[in-house]
Protein backbone atom coordinates (compact mmCIF):
# COMPACT_ATOMS: atom_id res chain seq x y z
CA MET A 1 15.07 -0.40 7.29
CA TYR A 2 12.26 -2.52 5.88
CA GLU A 3 13.49 -2.14 2.28
CA GLN A 4 16.13 -4.83 2.80
CA LYS A 5 13.49 -7.30 3.90
CA ILE A 6 11.44 -6.68 0.75
CA GLU A 7 14.40 -7.81 -1.33
CA GLU A 8 14.65 -11.01 0.70
CA THR A 9 11.01 -11.87 -0.03
CA LYS A 10 10.34 -12.97 -3.59
CA THR A 11 7.19 -11.08 -4.59
CA MET A 12 4.84 -8.40 -3.37
CA LEU A 13 2.06 -11.00 -3.43
CA GLU A 14 3.92 -13.05 -0.83
CA ILE A 15 4.24 -9.96 1.36
CA LEU A 16 0.52 -9.28 0.91
CA LYS A 17 -0.32 -12.83 1.96
CA LYS A 18 1.81 -12.38 5.10
CA VAL A 19 -0.04 -9.13 5.89
CA LYS A 20 -3.37 -10.92 5.57
CA LEU A 21 -2.11 -13.50 8.06
CA GLY A 22 -1.42 -10.69 10.55
CA ASP A 23 2.30 -10.03 10.05
CA ASP A 24 2.79 -6.40 11.13
CA THR A 25 6.38 -6.29 9.87
CA SER A 26 5.18 -7.08 6.34
CA LEU A 27 2.56 -4.35 6.65
CA MET A 28 5.25 -1.85 7.66
CA MET A 29 7.34 -2.99 4.68
CA LEU A 30 4.44 -2.21 2.34
CA ILE A 31 3.80 1.17 3.98
CA ASP A 32 7.48 2.05 3.57
CA LYS A 33 7.45 0.85 -0.03
CA PHE A 34 4.48 3.07 -0.90
CA ARG A 35 5.39 6.02 1.34
CA PRO A 36 6.30 8.26 -1.66
CA ILE A 37 2.76 7.90 -3.04
CA ILE A 38 1.29 8.50 0.41
CA LYS A 39 3.40 11.64 0.86
CA LYS A 40 2.51 12.90 -2.61
CA TYR A 41 -1.20 12.75 -1.97
CA SER A 42 -0.88 14.07 1.59
CA ARG A 43 0.88 17.17 0.22
CA LEU A 44 -1.91 17.60 -2.33
CA LEU A 45 -4.59 17.27 0.34
CA ASN A 46 -2.78 19.91 2.37
CA TYR A 47 -4.27 19.38 5.82
CA TYR A 48 -2.63 18.41 9.08
CA THR A 49 -3.61 14.74 9.39
CA ALA A 50 -3.68 13.92 5.68
CA GLU A 51 -0.75 11.51 5.85
CA SER A 52 -2.20 9.49 8.71
CA ASP A 53 -5.59 9.41 6.96
CA LEU A 54 -3.94 8.09 3.80
CA ILE A 55 -2.01 5.47 5.75
CA THR A 56 -5.26 4.32 7.32
CA GLU A 57 -6.88 4.12 3.88
CA PHE A 58 -3.81 2.24 2.63
CA ILE A 59 -4.11 -0.35 5.40
CA VAL A 60 -7.81 -0.84 4.65
CA LEU A 61 -6.95 -1.19 0.97
CA ILE A 62 -4.22 -3.76 1.63
CA ARG A 63 -6.57 -5.85 3.75
CA LYS A 64 -9.20 -5.85 0.97
CA ILE A 65 -6.96 -6.81 -1.96
CA PRO A 66 -7.76 -10.34 -3.15
CA THR A 67 -4.69 -12.57 -3.27
CA ASP A 68 -6.15 -15.08 -5.70
CA LYS A 69 -6.64 -12.77 -8.70
CA GLU A 70 -4.56 -13.75 -11.72
CA ASN A 71 -4.01 -10.17 -12.84
CA LEU A 72 -2.16 -9.29 -9.59
CA GLN A 73 0.46 -12.04 -9.77
CA GLU A 74 3.23 -9.79 -11.09
CA ASP A 75 4.81 -7.06 -8.98
CA ASN A 76 4.25 -4.38 -11.65
CA GLU A 77 0.54 -5.13 -11.79
CA PHE A 78 0.31 -5.08 -8.00
CA ILE A 79 2.11 -1.74 -7.77
CA ALA A 80 -0.10 -0.23 -10.49
CA TYR A 81 -3.20 -1.47 -8.66
CA ILE A 82 -2.05 0.13 -5.40
CA ALA A 83 -1.11 3.39 -7.13
CA ALA A 84 -4.51 3.66 -8.81
CA SER A 85 -6.30 2.78 -5.58
CA MET A 86 -4.38 5.43 -3.65
CA LYS A 87 -5.41 7.98 -6.27
CA TYR A 88 -9.05 7.10 -5.61
CA CYS A 89 -8.44 7.34 -1.86
CA TYR A 90 -7.05 10.84 -2.47
CA TYR A 91 -10.20 11.82 -4.38
CA LYS A 92 -12.38 10.38 -1.63
CA LEU A 93 -10.54 12.35 1.07
CA LYS A 94 -10.50 15.49 -1.03
CA LYS A 95 -14.31 15.60 -1.03
């Protein structure tokens, strides 16, 4: 559903900027984009509310990402940053 809208928008950085301005649709697009990573770590955590906890951590993470960093201008760098951050969220929740 939201995947089509990601293609219409040029970069992930533009979507991130829209999220920071309060666009909930853009936030849902990012959650859908990274849902496989969220599901992977929720299966590894193996408790009932793991997925919702990871989504909450993801939203907090998205709100904290700086949009003016030069190293996050490309989509691949942005995706790698999110993937690494979600791994650290997994470790945090695992403790």
